[in-house]
Amino acid sequence: GGGLVQPGGSLRLSCAASRSIFSMSN
């Protein structure tokens, strides 16, 4: 989700985890 954006713009980053411990993780 990263990239180049102008000041005032928006981006949304995503982080995908490979294992189900995700739900137990901070």
mmCIF file of all heavy atoms, coordinates in Angstrom:
data_MODEL
# 
_entry.id   MODEL 
# 
loop_
_atom_site.group_PDB 
_atom_site.id 
_atom_site.type_symbol 
_atom_site.label_atom_id 
_atom_site.label_alt_id 
_atom_site.label_comp_id 
_atom_site.label_asym_id 
_atom_site.label_entity_id 
_atom_site.label_seq_id 
_atom_site.pdbx_PDB_ins_code 
_atom_site.Cartn_x 
_atom_site.Cartn_y 
_atom_site.Cartn_z 
_atom_site.occupancy 
_atom_site.B_iso_or_equiv 
_atom_site.pdbx_formal_charge 
_atom_site.auth_seq_id 
_atom_site.auth_comp_id 
_atom_site.auth_asym_id 
_atom_site.auth_atom_id 
_atom_site.pdbx_PDB_model_num 
ATOM 1   N N   . GLY A 1 1  ? 0.771  -1.227  0.000  1.00 0.00 ? 1  GLY A N   1 
ATOM 2   C CA  . GLY A 1 1  ? 0.000  0.000   0.000  1.00 0.00 ? 1  GLY A CA  1 
ATOM 3   C C   . GLY A 1 1  ? 0.803  1.280   0.000  1.00 0.00 ? 1  GLY A C   1 
ATOM 4   O O   . GLY A 1 1  ? 0.247  2.375   -0.077 1.00 0.00 ? 1  GLY A O   1 
ATOM 5   N N   . GLY A 1 2  ? 2.119  1.162   0.102  1.00 0.00 ? 2  GLY A N   1 
ATOM 6   C CA  . GLY A 1 2  ? 2.939  2.365   0.074  1.00 0.00 ? 2  GLY A CA  1 
ATOM 7   C C   . GLY A 1 2  ? 2.993  2.977   -1.317 1.00 0.00 ? 2  GLY A C   1 
ATOM 8   O O   . GLY A 1 2  ? 2.500  2.397   -2.291 1.00 0.00 ? 2  GLY A O   1 
ATOM 9   N N   . GLY A 1 3  ? 3.594  4.153   -1.414 1.00 0.00 ? 3  GLY A N   1 
ATOM 10  C CA  . GLY A 1 3  ? 3.719  4.809   -2.704 1.00 0.00 ? 3  GLY A CA  1 
ATOM 11  C C   . GLY A 1 3  ? 3.998  6.285   -2.557 1.00 0.00 ? 3  GLY A C   1 
ATOM 12  O O   . GLY A 1 3  ? 4.343  6.765   -1.481 1.00 0.00 ? 3  GLY A O   1 
ATOM 13  N N   . LEU A 1 4  ? 3.841  6.977   -3.664 1.00 0.00 ? 4  LEU A N   1 
ATOM 14  C CA  . LEU A 1 4  ? 4.061  8.420   -3.726 1.00 0.00 ? 4  LEU A CA  1 
ATOM 15  C C   . LEU A 1 4  ? 2.704  9.131   -3.672 1.00 0.00 ? 4  LEU A C   1 
ATOM 16  O O   . LEU A 1 4  ? 1.792  8.793   -4.441 1.00 0.00 ? 4  LEU A O   1 
ATOM 17  C CB  . LEU A 1 4  ? 4.795  8.784   -5.009 1.00 0.00 ? 4  LEU A CB  1 
ATOM 18  C CG  . LEU A 1 4  ? 4.968  10.276  -5.321 1.00 0.00 ? 4  LEU A CG  1 
ATOM 19  C CD1 . LEU A 1 4  ? 5.842  10.947  -4.261 1.00 0.00 ? 4  LEU A CD1 1 
ATOM 20  C CD2 . LEU A 1 4  ? 5.551  10.449  -6.710 1.00 0.00 ? 4  LEU A CD2 1 
ATOM 21  N N   . VAL A 1 5  ? 2.586  10.101  -2.796 1.00 0.00 ? 5  VAL A N   1 
ATOM 22  C CA  . VAL A 1 5  ? 1.341  10.847  -2.662 1.00 0.00 ? 5  VAL A CA  1 
ATOM 23  C C   . VAL A 1 5  ? 1.672  12.313  -2.405 1.00 0.00 ? 5  VAL A C   1 
ATOM 24  O O   . VAL A 1 5  ? 2.707  12.632  -1.825 1.00 0.00 ? 5  VAL A O   1 
ATOM 25  C CB  . VAL A 1 5  ? 0.483  10.254  -1.525 1.00 0.00 ? 5  VAL A CB  1 
ATOM 26  C CG1 . VAL A 1 5  ? 1.180  10.374  -0.180 1.00 0.00 ? 5  VAL A CG1 1 
ATOM 27  C CG2 . VAL A 1 5  ? -0.905 10.866  -1.488 1.00 0.00 ? 5  VAL A CG2 1 
ATOM 28  N N   . GLN A 1 6  ? 0.797  13.188  -2.840 1.00 0.00 ? 6  GLN A N   1 
ATOM 29  C CA  . GLN A 1 6  ? 1.002  14.617  -2.616 1.00 0.00 ? 6  GLN A CA  1 
ATOM 30  C C   . GLN A 1 6  ? 0.624  14.997  -1.191 1.00 0.00 ? 6  GLN A C   1 
ATOM 31  O O   . GLN A 1 6  ? -0.199 14.310  -0.552 1.00 0.00 ? 6  GLN A O   1 
ATOM 32  C CB  . GLN A 1 6  ? 0.164  15.428  -3.604 1.00 0.00 ? 6  GLN A CB  1 
ATOM 33  C CG  . GLN A 1 6  ? 0.613  15.306  -5.041 1.00 0.00 ? 6  GLN A CG  1 
ATOM 34  C CD  . GLN A 1 6  ? -0.158 16.239  -5.962 1.00 0.00 ? 6  GLN A CD  1 
ATOM 35  O OE1 . GLN A 1 6  ? -1.221 16.734  -5.622 1.00 0.00 ? 6  GLN A OE1 1 
ATOM 36  N NE2 . GLN A 1 6  ? 0.404  16.484  -7.142 1.00 0.00 ? 6  GLN A NE2 1 
ATOM 37  N N   . PRO A 1 7  ? 1.189  16.063  -0.675 1.00 0.00 ? 7  PRO A N   1 
ATOM 38  C CA  . PRO A 1 7  ? 0.789  16.538  0.657  1.00 0.00 ? 7  PRO A CA  1 
ATOM 39  C C   . PRO A 1 7  ? -0.716 16.745  0.721  1.00 0.00 ? 7  PRO A C   1 
ATOM 40  O O   . PRO A 1 7  ? -1.325 17.270  -0.219 1.00 0.00 ? 7  PRO A O   1 
ATOM 41  C CB  . PRO A 1 7  ? 1.546  17.859  0.790  1.00 0.00 ? 7  PRO A CB  1 
ATOM 42  C CG  . PRO A 1 7  ? 2.752  17.681  -0.067 1.00 0.00 ? 7  PRO A CG  1 
ATOM 43  C CD  . PRO A 1 7  ? 2.284  16.876  -1.244 1.00 0.00 ? 7  PRO A CD  1 
ATOM 44  N N   . GLY A 1 8  ? -1.304 16.318  1.836  1.00 0.00 ? 8  GLY A N   1 
ATOM 45  C CA  . GLY A 1 8  ? -2.744 16.388  1.995  1.00 0.00 ? 8  GLY A CA  1 
ATOM 46  C C   . GLY A 1 8  ? -3.482 15.157  1.512  1.00 0.00 ? 8  GLY A C   1 
ATOM 47  O O   . GLY A 1 8  ? -4.693 15.017  1.763  1.00 0.00 ? 8  GLY A O   1 
ATOM 48  N N   . GLY A 1 9  ? -2.777 14.280  0.838  1.00 0.00 ? 9  GLY A N   1 
ATOM 49  C CA  . GLY A 1 9  ? -3.391 13.072  0.304  1.00 0.00 ? 9  GLY A CA  1 
ATOM 50  C C   . GLY A 1 9  ? -3.500 11.961  1.327  1.00 0.00 ? 9  GLY A C   1 
ATOM 51  O O   . GLY A 1 9  ? -3.167 12.134  2.511  1.00 0.00 ? 9  GLY A O   1 
ATOM 52  N N   . SER A 1 10 ? -3.976 10.801  0.848  1.00 0.00 ? 10 SER A N   1 
ATOM 53  C CA  . SER A 1 10 ? -4.215 9.654   1.724  1.00 0.00 ? 10 SER A CA  1 
ATOM 54  C C   . SER A 1 10 ? -3.616 8.388   1.133  1.00 0.00 ? 10 SER A C   1 
ATOM 55  O O   . SER A 1 10 ? -3.489 8.252   -0.090 1.00 0.00 ? 10 SER A O   1 
ATOM 56  C CB  . SER A 1 10 ? -5.722 9.440   1.914  1.00 0.00 ? 10 SER A CB  1 
ATOM 57  O OG  . SER A 1 10 ? -6.327 10.545  2.544  1.00 0.00 ? 10 SER A OG  1 
ATOM 58  N N   . LEU A 1 11 ? -3.262 7.475   2.029  1.00 0.00 ? 11 LEU A N   1 
ATOM 59  C CA  . LEU A 1 11 ? -2.838 6.133   1.655  1.00 0.00 ? 11 LEU A CA  1 
ATOM 60  C C   . LEU A 1 11 ? -3.350 5.169   2.714  1.00 0.00 ? 11 LEU A C   1 
ATOM 61  O O   . LEU A 1 11 ? -3.523 5.560   3.874  1.00 0.00 ? 11 LEU A O   1 
ATOM 62  C CB  . LEU A 1 11 ? -1.313 6.026   1.593  1.00 0.00 ? 11 LEU A CB  1 
ATOM 63  C CG  . LEU A 1 11 ? -0.568 6.582   0.392  1.00 0.00 ? 11 LEU A CG  1 
ATOM 64  C CD1 . LEU A 1 11 ? 0.938  6.467   0.633  1.00 0.00 ? 11 LEU A CD1 1 
ATOM 65  C CD2 . LEU A 1 11 ? -0.946 5.858   -0.885 1.00 0.00 ? 11 LEU A CD2 1 
ATOM 66  N N   . ARG A 1 12 ? -3.558 3.924   2.308  1.00 0.00 ? 12 ARG A N   1 
ATOM 67  C CA  . ARG A 1 12 ? -3.868 2.883   3.284  1.00 0.00 ? 12 ARG A CA  1 
ATOM 68  C C   . ARG A 1 12 ? -2.858 1.758   3.156  1.00 0.00 ? 12 ARG A C   1 
ATOM 69  O O   . ARG A 1 12 ? -2.716 1.154   2.097  1.00 0.00 ? 12 ARG A O   1 
ATOM 70  C CB  . ARG A 1 12 ? -5.281 2.334   3.105  1.00 0.00 ? 12 ARG A CB  1 
ATOM 71  C CG  . ARG A 1 12 ? -5.661 1.396   4.252  1.00 0.00 ? 12 ARG A CG  1 
ATOM 72  C CD  . ARG A 1 12 ? -7.082 0.899   4.182  1.00 0.00 ? 12 ARG A CD  1 
ATOM 73  N NE  . ARG A 1 12 ? -7.236 -0.241  3.292  1.00 0.00 ? 12 ARG A NE  1 
ATOM 74  C CZ  . ARG A 1 12 ? -8.174 -1.172  3.421  1.00 0.00 ? 12 ARG A CZ  1 
ATOM 75  N NH1 . ARG A 1 12 ? -9.058 -1.076  4.422  1.00 0.00 ? 12 ARG A NH1 1 
ATOM 76  N NH2 . ARG A 1 12 ? -8.258 -2.163  2.568  1.00 0.00 ? 12 ARG A NH2 1 
ATOM 77  N N   . LEU A 1 13 ? -2.158 1.505   4.250  1.00 0.00 ? 13 LEU A N   1 
ATOM 78  C CA  . LEU A 1 13 ? -1.207 0.405   4.306  1.00 0.00 ? 13 LEU A CA  1 
ATOM 79  C C   . LEU A 1 13 ? -1.889 -0.846  4.842  1.00 0.00 ? 13 LEU A C   1 
ATOM 80  O O   . LEU A 1 13 ? -2.772 -0.749  5.706  1.00 0.00 ? 13 LEU A O   1 
ATOM 81  C CB  . LEU A 1 13 ? -0.017 0.763   5.209  1.00 0.00 ? 13 LEU A CB  1 
ATOM 82  C CG  . LEU A 1 13 ? 0.744  2.043   4.871  1.00 0.00 ? 13 LEU A CG  1 
ATOM 83  C CD1 . LEU A 1 13 ? 1.932  2.195   5.828  1.00 0.00 ? 13 LEU A CD1 1 
ATOM 84  C CD2 . LEU A 1 13 ? 1.196  2.060   3.439  1.00 0.00 ? 13 LEU A CD2 1 
ATOM 85  N N   . SER A 1 14 ? -1.453 -1.985  4.336  1.00 0.00 ? 14 SER A N   1 
ATOM 86  C CA  . SER A 1 14 ? -1.948 -3.265  4.824  1.00 0.00 ? 14 SER A CA  1 
ATOM 87  C C   . SER A 1 14 ? -0.783 -4.136  5.262  1.00 0.00 ? 14 SER A C   1 
ATOM 88  O O   . SER A 1 14 ? 0.309  -4.040  4.698  1.00 0.00 ? 14 SER A O   1 
ATOM 89  C CB  . SER A 1 14 ? -2.735 -4.001  3.729  1.00 0.00 ? 14 SER A CB  1 
ATOM 90  O OG  . SER A 1 14 ? -3.860 -3.269  3.319  1.00 0.00 ? 14 SER A OG  1 
ATOM 91  N N   . CYS A 1 15 ? -1.029 -4.965  6.255  1.00 0.00 ? 15 CYS A N   1 
ATOM 92  C CA  . CYS A 1 15 ? -0.027 -5.913  6.725  1.00 0.00 ? 15 CYS A CA  1 
ATOM 93  C C   . CYS A 1 15 ? -0.713 -7.264  6.846  1.00 0.00 ? 15 CYS A C   1 
ATOM 94  O O   . CYS A 1 15 ? -1.572 -7.450  7.719  1.00 0.00 ? 15 CYS A O   1 
ATOM 95  C CB  . CYS A 1 15 ? 0.546  -5.473  8.061  1.00 0.00 ? 15 CYS A CB  1 
ATOM 96  S SG  . CYS A 1 15 ? 1.608  -6.713  8.848  1.00 0.00 ? 15 CYS A SG  1 
ATOM 97  N N   . ALA A 1 16 ? -0.324 -8.187  6.002  1.00 0.00 ? 16 ALA A N   1 
ATOM 98  C CA  . ALA A 1 16 ? -0.904 -9.531  6.024  1.00 0.00 ? 16 ALA A CA  1 
ATOM 99  C C   . ALA A 1 16 ? 0.027  -10.471 6.769  1.00 0.00 ? 16 ALA A C   1 
ATOM 100 O O   . ALA A 1 16 ? 1.224  -10.514 6.484  1.00 0.00 ? 16 ALA A O   1 
ATOM 101 C CB  . ALA A 1 16 ? -1.135 -10.018 4.598  1.00 0.00 ? 16 ALA A CB  1 
ATOM 102 N N   . ALA A 1 17 ? -0.529 -11.219 7.711  1.00 0.00 ? 17 ALA A N   1 
ATOM 103 C CA  . ALA A 1 17 ? 0.265  -12.157 8.507  1.00 0.00 ? 17 ALA A CA  1 
ATOM 104 C C   . ALA A 1 17 ? 0.030  -13.578 8.015  1.00 0.00 ? 17 ALA A C   1 
ATOM 105 O O   . ALA A 1 17 ? -1.063 -13.919 7.561  1.00 0.00 ? 17 ALA A O   1 
ATOM 106 C CB  . ALA A 1 17 ? -0.104 -12.046 9.980  1.00 0.00 ? 17 ALA A CB  1 
ATOM 107 N N   . SER A 1 18 ? 1.044  -14.384 8.151  1.00 0.00 ? 18 SER A N   1 
ATOM 108 C CA  . SER A 1 18 ? 0.997  -15.733 7.584  1.00 0.00 ? 18 SER A CA  1 
ATOM 109 C C   . SER A 1 18 ? 0.404  -16.784 8.507  1.00 0.00 ? 18 SER A C   1 
ATOM 110 O O   . SER A 1 18 ? 0.110  -17.877 8.086  1.00 0.00 ? 18 SER A O   1 
ATOM 111 C CB  . SER A 1 18 ? 2.402  -16.183 7.192  1.00 0.00 ? 18 SER A CB  1 
ATOM 112 O OG  . SER A 1 18 ? 3.225  -16.259 8.338  1.00 0.00 ? 18 SER A OG  1 
ATOM 113 N N   . ARG A 1 19 ? 0.247  -16.456 9.772  1.00 0.00 ? 19 ARG A N   1 
ATOM 114 C CA  . ARG A 1 19 ? -0.236 -17.478 10.689 1.00 0.00 ? 19 ARG A CA  1 
ATOM 115 C C   . ARG A 1 19 ? -1.383 -16.995 11.549 1.00 0.00 ? 19 ARG A C   1 
ATOM 116 O O   . ARG A 1 19 ? -1.556 -15.809 11.767 1.00 0.00 ? 19 ARG A O   1 
ATOM 117 C CB  . ARG A 1 19 ? 0.914  -17.964 11.587 1.00 0.00 ? 19 ARG A CB  1 
ATOM 118 C CG  . ARG A 1 19 ? 1.961  -18.769 10.882 1.00 0.00 ? 19 ARG A CG  1 
ATOM 119 C CD  . ARG A 1 19 ? 3.002  -19.291 11.848 1.00 0.00 ? 19 ARG A CD  1 
ATOM 120 N NE  . ARG A 1 19 ? 2.408  -20.108 12.894 1.00 0.00 ? 19 ARG A NE  1 
ATOM 121 C CZ  . ARG A 1 19 ? 3.108  -20.666 13.868 1.00 0.00 ? 19 ARG A CZ  1 
ATOM 122 N NH1 . ARG A 1 19 ? 4.420  -20.475 13.936 1.00 0.00 ? 19 ARG A NH1 1 
ATOM 123 N NH2 . ARG A 1 19 ? 2.531  -21.391 14.795 1.00 0.00 ? 19 ARG A NH2 1 
ATOM 124 N N   . SER A 1 20 ? -2.129 -17.925 12.077 1.00 0.00 ? 20 SER A N   1 
ATOM 125 C CA  . SER A 1 20 ? -3.345 -17.585 12.817 1.00 0.00 ? 20 SER A CA  1 
ATOM 126 C C   . SER A 1 20 ? -3.060 -16.977 14.180 1.00 0.00 ? 20 SER A C   1 
ATOM 127 O O   . SER A 1 20 ? -3.973 -16.520 14.838 1.00 0.00 ? 20 SER A O   1 
ATOM 128 C CB  . SER A 1 20 ? -4.224 -18.813 12.976 1.00 0.00 ? 20 SER A CB  1 
ATOM 129 O OG  . SER A 1 20 ? -3.528 -19.821 13.687 1.00 0.00 ? 20 SER A OG  1 
ATOM 130 N N   . ILE A 1 21 ? -1.785 -16.945 14.631 1.00 0.00 ? 21 ILE A N   1 
ATOM 131 C CA  . ILE A 1 21 ? -1.498 -16.295 15.917 1.00 0.00 ? 21 ILE A CA  1 
ATOM 132 C C   . ILE A 1 21 ? -1.733 -14.810 15.839 1.00 0.00 ? 21 ILE A C   1 
ATOM 133 O O   . ILE A 1 21 ? -1.680 -14.106 16.835 1.00 0.00 ? 21 ILE A O   1 
ATOM 134 C CB  . ILE A 1 21 ? -0.041 -16.535 16.383 1.00 0.00 ? 21 ILE A CB  1 
ATOM 135 C CG1 . ILE A 1 21 ? 0.939  -15.904 15.402 1.00 0.00 ? 21 ILE A CG1 1 
ATOM 136 C CG2 . ILE A 1 21 ? 0.228  -18.011 16.563 1.00 0.00 ? 21 ILE A CG2 1 
ATOM 137 C CD1 . ILE A 1 21 ? 2.353  -15.875 15.927 1.00 0.00 ? 21 ILE A CD1 1 
ATOM 138 N N   . PHE A 1 22 ? -1.981 -14.316 14.633 1.00 0.00 ? 22 PHE A N   1 
ATOM 139 C CA  . PHE A 1 22 ? -2.250 -12.896 14.447 1.00 0.00 ? 22 PHE A CA  1 
ATOM 140 C C   . PHE A 1 22 ? -3.267 -12.395 15.457 1.00 0.00 ? 22 PHE A C   1 
ATOM 141 O O   . PHE A 1 22 ? -3.083 -11.342 16.053 1.00 0.00 ? 22 PHE A O   1 
ATOM 142 C CB  . PHE A 1 22 ? -2.741 -12.662 13.017 1.00 0.00 ? 22 PHE A CB  1 
ATOM 143 C CG  . PHE A 1 22 ? -3.161 -11.251 12.739 1.00 0.00 ? 22 PHE A CG  1 
ATOM 144 C CD1 . PHE A 1 22 ? -2.225 -10.311 12.340 1.00 0.00 ? 22 PHE A CD1 1 
ATOM 145 C CD2 . PHE A 1 22 ? -4.479 -10.847 12.876 1.00 0.00 ? 22 PHE A CD2 1 
ATOM 146 C CE1 . PHE A 1 22 ? -2.600 -9.003  12.084 1.00 0.00 ? 22 PHE A CE1 1 
ATOM 147 C CE2 . PHE A 1 22 ? -4.865 -9.550  12.625 1.00 0.00 ? 22 PHE A CE2 1 
ATOM 148 C CZ  . PHE A 1 22 ? -3.928 -8.621  12.227 1.00 0.00 ? 22 PHE A CZ  1 
ATOM 149 N N   . SER A 1 23 ? -4.340 -13.145 15.636 1.00 0.00 ? 23 SER A N   1 
ATOM 150 C CA  . SER A 1 23 ? -5.424 -12.687 16.511 1.00 0.00 ? 23 SER A CA  1 
ATOM 151 C C   . SER A 1 23 ? -4.977 -12.566 17.966 1.00 0.00 ? 23 SER A C   1 
ATOM 152 O O   . SER A 1 23 ? -5.595 -11.848 18.744 1.00 0.00 ? 23 SER A O   1 
ATOM 153 C CB  . SER A 1 23 ? -6.623 -13.626 16.416 1.00 0.00 ? 23 SER A CB  1 
ATOM 154 O OG  . SER A 1 23 ? -6.286 -14.899 16.901 1.00 0.00 ? 23 SER A OG  1 
ATOM 155 N N   . MET A 1 24 ? -3.905 -13.246 18.344 1.00 0.00 ? 24 MET A N   1 
ATOM 156 C CA  . MET A 1 24 ? -3.417 -13.204 19.719 1.00 0.00 ? 24 MET A CA  1 
ATOM 157 C C   . MET A 1 24 ? -2.281 -12.199 19.893 1.00 0.00 ? 24 MET A C   1 
ATOM 158 O O   . MET A 1 24 ? -1.803 -12.001 20.999 1.00 0.00 ? 24 MET A O   1 
ATOM 159 C CB  . MET A 1 24 ? -2.944 -14.599 20.137 1.00 0.00 ? 24 MET A CB  1 
ATOM 160 C CG  . MET A 1 24 ? -4.058 -15.625 20.153 1.00 0.00 ? 24 MET A CG  1 
ATOM 161 S SD  . MET A 1 24 ? -3.465 -17.258 20.609 1.00 0.00 ? 24 MET A SD  1 
ATOM 162 C CE  . MET A 1 24 ? -2.746 -17.787 19.055 1.00 0.00 ? 24 MET A CE  1 
ATOM 163 N N   . SER A 1 25 ? -1.856 -11.602 18.799 1.00 0.00 ? 25 SER A N   1 
ATOM 164 C CA  . SER A 1 25 ? -0.687 -10.736 18.819 1.00 0.00 ? 25 SER A CA  1 
ATOM 165 C C   . SER A 1 25 ? -1.064 -9.280  19.004 1.00 0.00 ? 25 SER A C   1 
ATOM 166 O O   . SER A 1 25 ? -2.073 -8.810  18.467 1.00 0.00 ? 25 SER A O   1 
ATOM 167 C CB  . SER A 1 25 ? 0.101  -10.876 17.517 1.00 0.00 ? 25 SER A CB  1 
ATOM 168 O OG  . SER A 1 25 ? 0.531  -12.197 17.320 1.00 0.00 ? 25 SER A OG  1 
ATOM 169 N N   . ASN A 1 26 ? -0.217 -8.567  19.739 1.00 0.00 ? 26 ASN A N   1 
ATOM 170 C CA  . ASN A 1 26 ? -0.266 -7.110  19.708 1.00 0.00 ? 26 ASN A CA  1 
ATOM 171 C C   . ASN A 1 26 ? 0.477  -6.668  18.451 1.00 0.00 ? 26 ASN A C   1 
ATOM 172 O O   . ASN A 1 26 ? 1.530  -7.207  18.125 1.00 0.00 ? 26 ASN A O   1 
ATOM 173 C CB  . ASN A 1 26 ? 0.379  -6.520  20.951 1.00 0.00 ? 26 ASN A CB  1 
ATOM 174 C CG  . ASN A 1 26 ? -0.411 -6.840  22.200 1.00 0.00 ? 26 ASN A CG  1 
ATOM 175 O OD1 . ASN A 1 26 ? -1.634 -6.944  22.174 1.00 0.00 ? 26 ASN A OD1 1 
ATOM 176 N ND2 . ASN A 1 26 ? 0.270  -7.005  23.316 1.00 0.00 ? 26 ASN A ND2 1 
# 
